[in-house]
């Protein structure tokens, strides 16, 4: 049962896909998180009134997908279900191992 739960959660995770990234990517594939000199002309660096623009003294870039953080909840939930499934299977296997170990004759235990 535990491995079935784990497998089903992992299949759902594989079929679901991931949300678009929070930060924009430049032409080189690097995430634009600040508007320093190389990224100053990137569309994410256009000043916006509704977004904070200061991270440690550097101008922050606007996120491309601000809803990405909220979209990670289902990934976390499916990983939790998968972990719960394999832990249940592991605990059952450990219990079976302990039960079988008790059937060994005392003279040969541990050898």
N, C-alpha and C. Protein backbone atom coordinates (compact mmCIF):
# COMPACT_ATOMS: atom_id res chain seq x y z
N UNK A 1 0.83 -1.20 0.00
CA UNK A 1 0.00 0.00 0.00
C UNK A 1 0.87 1.26 0.00
N UNK A 2 1.95 1.26 0.83
CA UNK A 2 2.80 2.44 0.92
C UNK A 2 3.48 2.78 -0.39
N UNK A 3 3.99 1.73 -1.08
CA UNK A 3 4.66 1.99 -2.35
C UNK A 3 3.65 2.43 -3.41
N UNK A 4 2.43 1.96 -3.33
CA UNK A 4 1.39 2.40 -4.27
C UNK A 4 1.08 3.88 -4.09
N UNK A 5 0.97 4.30 -2.84
CA UNK A 5 0.73 5.73 -2.54
C UNK A 5 1.90 6.57 -3.04
N UNK A 6 3.11 6.10 -2.77
CA UNK A 6 4.30 6.83 -3.21
C UNK A 6 4.34 6.93 -4.73
N UNK A 7 4.11 5.81 -5.41
CA UNK A 7 4.13 5.80 -6.87
C UNK A 7 3.07 6.70 -7.48
N UNK A 8 1.86 6.66 -6.91
CA UNK A 8 0.79 7.52 -7.44
C UNK A 8 1.13 8.99 -7.27
N UNK A 9 1.69 9.35 -6.13
CA UNK A 9 2.07 10.76 -5.91
C UNK A 9 3.18 11.18 -6.86
N UNK A 10 4.15 10.31 -7.10
CA UNK A 10 5.23 10.66 -8.02
C UNK A 10 4.76 10.74 -9.46
N UNK A 11 3.81 9.88 -9.84
CA UNK A 11 3.24 9.97 -11.19
C UNK A 11 2.47 11.28 -11.37
N UNK A 12 1.70 11.67 -10.35
CA UNK A 12 0.97 12.94 -10.42
C UNK A 12 1.95 14.11 -10.49
N UNK A 13 3.05 14.01 -9.76
CA UNK A 13 4.06 15.06 -9.78
C UNK A 13 4.71 15.16 -11.16
N UNK A 14 5.02 14.02 -11.76
CA UNK A 14 5.65 14.02 -13.08
C UNK A 14 4.69 14.52 -14.16
N UNK A 15 3.41 14.22 -14.03
CA UNK A 15 2.43 14.62 -15.04
C UNK A 15 2.02 16.08 -14.90
N UNK A 16 2.20 16.65 -13.72
CA UNK A 16 1.69 17.99 -13.47
C UNK A 16 2.49 19.13 -14.06
N UNK A 17 3.79 19.00 -14.16
CA UNK A 17 4.61 20.09 -14.65
C UNK A 17 4.84 21.14 -13.57
N UNK A 18 5.71 22.06 -13.83
CA UNK A 18 6.04 23.12 -12.88
C UNK A 18 5.56 24.47 -13.41
N UNK A 19 5.28 25.41 -12.51
CA UNK A 19 4.89 26.75 -12.97
C UNK A 19 6.08 27.46 -13.60
N UNK A 20 5.78 28.51 -14.35
CA UNK A 20 6.86 29.33 -14.91
C UNK A 20 7.69 29.91 -13.78
N UNK A 21 8.98 30.19 -14.01
CA UNK A 21 9.83 30.70 -12.93
C UNK A 21 9.40 32.09 -12.45
N UNK A 22 9.75 32.38 -11.20
CA UNK A 22 9.41 33.66 -10.59
C UNK A 22 10.14 34.80 -11.29
N UNK A 23 11.44 34.63 -11.50
CA UNK A 23 12.24 35.69 -12.12
C UNK A 23 12.30 35.51 -13.63
N UNK A 24 12.50 36.61 -14.36
CA UNK A 24 12.69 36.57 -15.80
C UNK A 24 14.10 36.05 -16.10
N UNK A 25 14.29 35.51 -17.28
CA UNK A 25 15.61 35.05 -17.70
C UNK A 25 16.10 35.94 -18.83
N UNK A 26 17.40 36.22 -18.83
CA UNK A 26 17.96 37.02 -19.91
C UNK A 26 18.28 36.11 -21.09
N UNK A 27 18.90 36.65 -22.12
CA UNK A 27 19.18 35.87 -23.33
C UNK A 27 20.17 34.75 -23.07
N UNK A 28 20.98 34.86 -22.02
CA UNK A 28 21.93 33.81 -21.67
C UNK A 28 21.35 32.74 -20.77
N UNK A 29 20.09 32.89 -20.37
CA UNK A 29 19.45 31.91 -19.51
C UNK A 29 19.62 32.17 -18.03
N UNK A 30 20.26 33.28 -17.66
CA UNK A 30 20.45 33.63 -16.24
C UNK A 30 19.25 34.43 -15.74
N UNK A 31 18.88 34.21 -14.49
CA UNK A 31 17.74 34.92 -13.93
C UNK A 31 18.10 36.37 -13.64
N UNK A 32 17.18 37.26 -13.96
CA UNK A 32 17.35 38.70 -13.73
C UNK A 32 16.69 39.02 -12.39
N UNK A 33 17.50 39.17 -11.33
CA UNK A 33 16.96 39.48 -10.01
C UNK A 33 17.22 40.92 -9.61
N UNK A 34 18.26 41.51 -10.16
CA UNK A 34 18.56 42.91 -9.89
C UNK A 34 18.78 43.64 -11.21
N UNK A 35 18.63 44.94 -11.17
CA UNK A 35 18.78 45.75 -12.38
C UNK A 35 20.14 46.42 -12.40
N UNK A 36 21.19 45.59 -12.33
CA UNK A 36 22.53 46.16 -12.41
C UNK A 36 22.84 46.47 -13.88
N UNK A 37 24.02 46.87 -14.17
CA UNK A 37 24.38 47.37 -15.50
C UNK A 37 24.06 46.40 -16.64
N UNK A 38 24.40 45.09 -16.56
CA UNK A 38 24.08 44.23 -17.72
C UNK A 38 22.59 44.05 -17.97
N UNK A 39 21.76 44.19 -16.94
CA UNK A 39 20.33 43.96 -17.10
C UNK A 39 19.50 45.23 -17.10
N UNK A 40 20.13 46.38 -17.13
CA UNK A 40 19.37 47.62 -16.96
C UNK A 40 18.36 47.85 -18.08
N UNK A 41 18.56 47.24 -19.25
CA UNK A 41 17.61 47.43 -20.34
C UNK A 41 16.59 46.29 -20.45
N UNK A 42 16.67 45.32 -19.57
CA UNK A 42 15.73 44.19 -19.60
C UNK A 42 14.33 44.69 -19.23
N UNK A 43 13.27 44.13 -19.85
CA UNK A 43 11.89 44.58 -19.53
C UNK A 43 11.53 44.45 -18.06
N UNK A 44 12.15 43.54 -17.33
CA UNK A 44 11.85 43.38 -15.91
C UNK A 44 12.39 44.54 -15.09
N UNK A 45 13.23 45.36 -15.69
CA UNK A 45 13.83 46.47 -14.95
C UNK A 45 13.15 47.80 -15.22
N UNK A 46 12.04 47.78 -15.92
CA UNK A 46 11.27 49.01 -16.13
C UNK A 46 10.68 49.41 -14.79
N UNK A 47 10.88 50.64 -14.36
CA UNK A 47 10.38 51.05 -13.04
C UNK A 47 8.87 50.85 -12.91
N UNK A 48 8.48 50.39 -11.73
CA UNK A 48 7.07 50.14 -11.45
C UNK A 48 6.75 50.73 -10.09
N UNK A 49 5.59 51.35 -9.98
CA UNK A 49 5.20 51.98 -8.72
C UNK A 49 4.84 50.95 -7.66
N UNK A 50 4.24 49.82 -8.07
CA UNK A 50 3.71 48.87 -7.10
C UNK A 50 4.70 47.79 -6.66
N UNK A 51 5.93 47.80 -7.11
CA UNK A 51 6.89 46.78 -6.69
C UNK A 51 8.07 47.42 -5.97
N UNK A 52 8.56 46.79 -4.90
CA UNK A 52 9.74 47.32 -4.22
C UNK A 52 10.95 47.23 -5.14
N UNK A 53 11.78 48.25 -5.10
CA UNK A 53 12.88 48.32 -6.05
C UNK A 53 14.24 48.36 -5.38
N UNK A 54 14.35 47.87 -4.14
CA UNK A 54 15.64 47.94 -3.47
C UNK A 54 15.92 46.64 -2.73
N UNK A 55 16.98 45.94 -3.12
CA UNK A 55 17.44 44.74 -2.43
C UNK A 55 18.90 44.97 -2.06
N UNK A 56 19.16 45.28 -0.82
CA UNK A 56 20.53 45.48 -0.37
C UNK A 56 21.25 46.58 -1.12
N UNK A 57 20.57 47.65 -1.46
CA UNK A 57 21.20 48.75 -2.15
C UNK A 57 21.16 48.64 -3.66
N UNK A 58 20.74 47.51 -4.20
CA UNK A 58 20.63 47.35 -5.64
C UNK A 58 19.16 47.40 -6.04
N UNK A 59 18.90 47.90 -7.24
CA UNK A 59 17.53 47.96 -7.72
C UNK A 59 17.05 46.56 -8.06
N UNK A 60 15.91 46.18 -7.51
CA UNK A 60 15.37 44.85 -7.75
C UNK A 60 14.59 44.82 -9.05
N UNK A 61 14.70 43.71 -9.76
CA UNK A 61 13.93 43.53 -10.99
C UNK A 61 12.52 43.08 -10.62
N UNK A 62 11.59 43.40 -11.48
CA UNK A 62 10.22 42.95 -11.26
C UNK A 62 10.12 41.46 -11.62
N UNK A 63 9.37 40.69 -10.86
CA UNK A 63 9.22 39.26 -11.20
C UNK A 63 8.37 39.08 -12.46
N UNK A 64 8.67 38.04 -13.21
CA UNK A 64 7.86 37.74 -14.40
C UNK A 64 6.62 36.95 -14.03
N UNK A 65 6.69 36.18 -12.95
CA UNK A 65 5.55 35.35 -12.52
C UNK A 65 5.45 35.44 -11.00
N UNK A 66 4.79 36.46 -10.52
CA UNK A 66 4.67 36.65 -9.07
C UNK A 66 3.84 35.56 -8.41
N UNK A 67 3.05 34.82 -9.18
CA UNK A 67 2.21 33.75 -8.62
C UNK A 67 2.96 32.43 -8.50
N UNK A 68 4.24 32.39 -8.87
CA UNK A 68 5.00 31.13 -8.83
C UNK A 68 5.13 30.58 -7.42
N UNK A 69 5.29 31.44 -6.45
CA UNK A 69 5.42 30.97 -5.06
C UNK A 69 4.15 30.27 -4.60
N UNK A 70 3.00 30.78 -4.98
CA UNK A 70 1.74 30.15 -4.60
C UNK A 70 1.52 28.84 -5.35
N UNK A 71 2.11 28.69 -6.53
CA UNK A 71 1.95 27.48 -7.31
C UNK A 71 2.79 26.32 -6.83
N UNK A 72 3.68 26.56 -5.90
CA UNK A 72 4.54 25.48 -5.40
C UNK A 72 3.88 24.66 -4.31
N UNK A 73 2.71 25.05 -3.83
CA UNK A 73 2.04 24.33 -2.75
C UNK A 73 1.67 22.92 -3.13
N UNK A 74 1.19 22.71 -4.36
CA UNK A 74 0.80 21.36 -4.76
C UNK A 74 2.02 20.46 -4.92
N UNK A 75 3.15 21.02 -5.34
CA UNK A 75 4.39 20.23 -5.44
C UNK A 75 4.80 19.76 -4.05
N UNK A 76 4.73 20.66 -3.09
CA UNK A 76 5.07 20.31 -1.71
C UNK A 76 4.13 19.25 -1.17
N UNK A 77 2.85 19.38 -1.44
CA UNK A 77 1.87 18.41 -0.97
C UNK A 77 2.12 17.03 -1.57
N UNK A 78 2.37 16.96 -2.87
CA UNK A 78 2.63 15.66 -3.51
C UNK A 78 3.93 15.04 -3.00
N UNK A 79 4.94 15.84 -2.75
CA UNK A 79 6.18 15.30 -2.18
C UNK A 79 5.94 14.77 -0.77
N UNK A 80 5.09 15.44 -0.01
CA UNK A 80 4.73 14.96 1.33
C UNK A 80 4.03 13.61 1.24
N UNK A 81 3.07 13.47 0.33
CA UNK A 81 2.33 12.21 0.18
C UNK A 81 3.28 11.09 -0.26
N UNK A 82 4.19 11.40 -1.19
CA UNK A 82 5.17 10.39 -1.63
C UNK A 82 6.06 9.95 -0.47
N UNK A 83 6.52 10.90 0.32
CA UNK A 83 7.36 10.57 1.48
C UNK A 83 6.58 9.75 2.49
N UNK A 84 5.35 10.11 2.75
CA UNK A 84 4.52 9.35 3.68
C UNK A 84 4.34 7.91 3.20
N UNK A 85 4.14 7.73 1.91
CA UNK A 85 3.98 6.40 1.35
C UNK A 85 5.21 5.53 1.53
N UNK A 86 6.39 6.07 1.19
CA UNK A 86 7.58 5.22 1.31
C UNK A 86 7.98 5.01 2.75
N UNK A 87 7.70 5.95 3.64
CA UNK A 87 8.00 5.74 5.06
C UNK A 87 7.10 4.65 5.63
N UNK A 88 5.83 4.64 5.26
CA UNK A 88 4.92 3.56 5.70
C UNK A 88 5.41 2.21 5.20
N UNK A 89 5.85 2.14 3.95
CA UNK A 89 6.37 0.88 3.41
C UNK A 89 7.65 0.46 4.13
N UNK A 90 8.50 1.41 4.44
CA UNK A 90 9.76 1.11 5.13
C UNK A 90 9.51 0.63 6.55
N UNK A 91 8.59 1.26 7.25
CA UNK A 91 8.27 0.85 8.62
C UNK A 91 7.71 -0.57 8.63
N UNK A 92 6.85 -0.89 7.66
CA UNK A 92 6.30 -2.24 7.57
C UNK A 92 7.40 -3.26 7.29
N UNK A 93 8.33 -2.91 6.41
CA UNK A 93 9.45 -3.82 6.10
C UNK A 93 10.35 -4.01 7.31
N UNK A 94 10.60 -2.95 8.07
CA UNK A 94 11.42 -3.06 9.29
C UNK A 94 10.74 -3.96 10.32
N UNK A 95 9.43 -3.83 10.44
CA UNK A 95 8.69 -4.68 11.38
C UNK A 95 8.76 -6.14 10.96
N UNK A 96 8.64 -6.41 9.67
CA UNK A 96 8.73 -7.78 9.18
C UNK A 96 10.13 -8.35 9.41
N UNK A 97 11.15 -7.52 9.19
CA UNK A 97 12.52 -7.96 9.43
C UNK A 97 12.74 -8.33 10.89
N UNK A 98 12.23 -7.50 11.79
CA UNK A 98 12.38 -7.78 13.22
C UNK A 98 11.63 -9.06 13.61
N UNK A 99 10.45 -9.27 13.03
CA UNK A 99 9.67 -10.48 13.32
C UNK A 99 10.41 -11.72 12.82
N UNK A 100 10.95 -11.65 11.63
CA UNK A 100 11.69 -12.79 11.09
C UNK A 100 12.98 -13.03 11.86
N UNK A 101 13.62 -11.97 12.34
CA UNK A 101 14.86 -12.13 13.10
C UNK A 101 14.61 -12.85 14.42
N UNK A 102 13.45 -12.66 15.00
CA UNK A 102 13.13 -13.33 16.27
C UNK A 102 12.91 -14.83 16.10
N UNK A 103 12.69 -15.27 14.87
CA UNK A 103 12.49 -16.70 14.62
C UNK A 103 13.80 -17.48 14.57
N UNK A 104 14.91 -16.75 14.44
CA UNK A 104 16.21 -17.45 14.40
C UNK A 104 16.50 -18.08 15.75
N UNK A 105 17.18 -19.20 15.74
CA UNK A 105 17.58 -19.79 17.01
C UNK A 105 18.57 -18.85 17.73
N UNK A 106 18.50 -18.81 19.03
CA UNK A 106 19.33 -17.91 19.82
C UNK A 106 20.82 -18.16 19.55
N UNK A 107 21.21 -19.41 19.34
CA UNK A 107 22.62 -19.72 19.12
C UNK A 107 23.18 -19.11 17.84
N UNK A 108 22.33 -18.93 16.83
CA UNK A 108 22.83 -18.43 15.54
C UNK A 108 22.46 -16.96 15.27
N UNK A 109 21.82 -16.29 16.20
CA UNK A 109 21.44 -14.89 15.98
C UNK A 109 22.69 -14.02 15.85
N UNK A 110 22.64 -13.13 14.85
CA UNK A 110 23.73 -12.18 14.67
C UNK A 110 24.94 -12.75 13.96
N UNK A 111 24.88 -13.99 13.53
CA UNK A 111 26.05 -14.56 12.83
C UNK A 111 25.79 -14.69 11.37
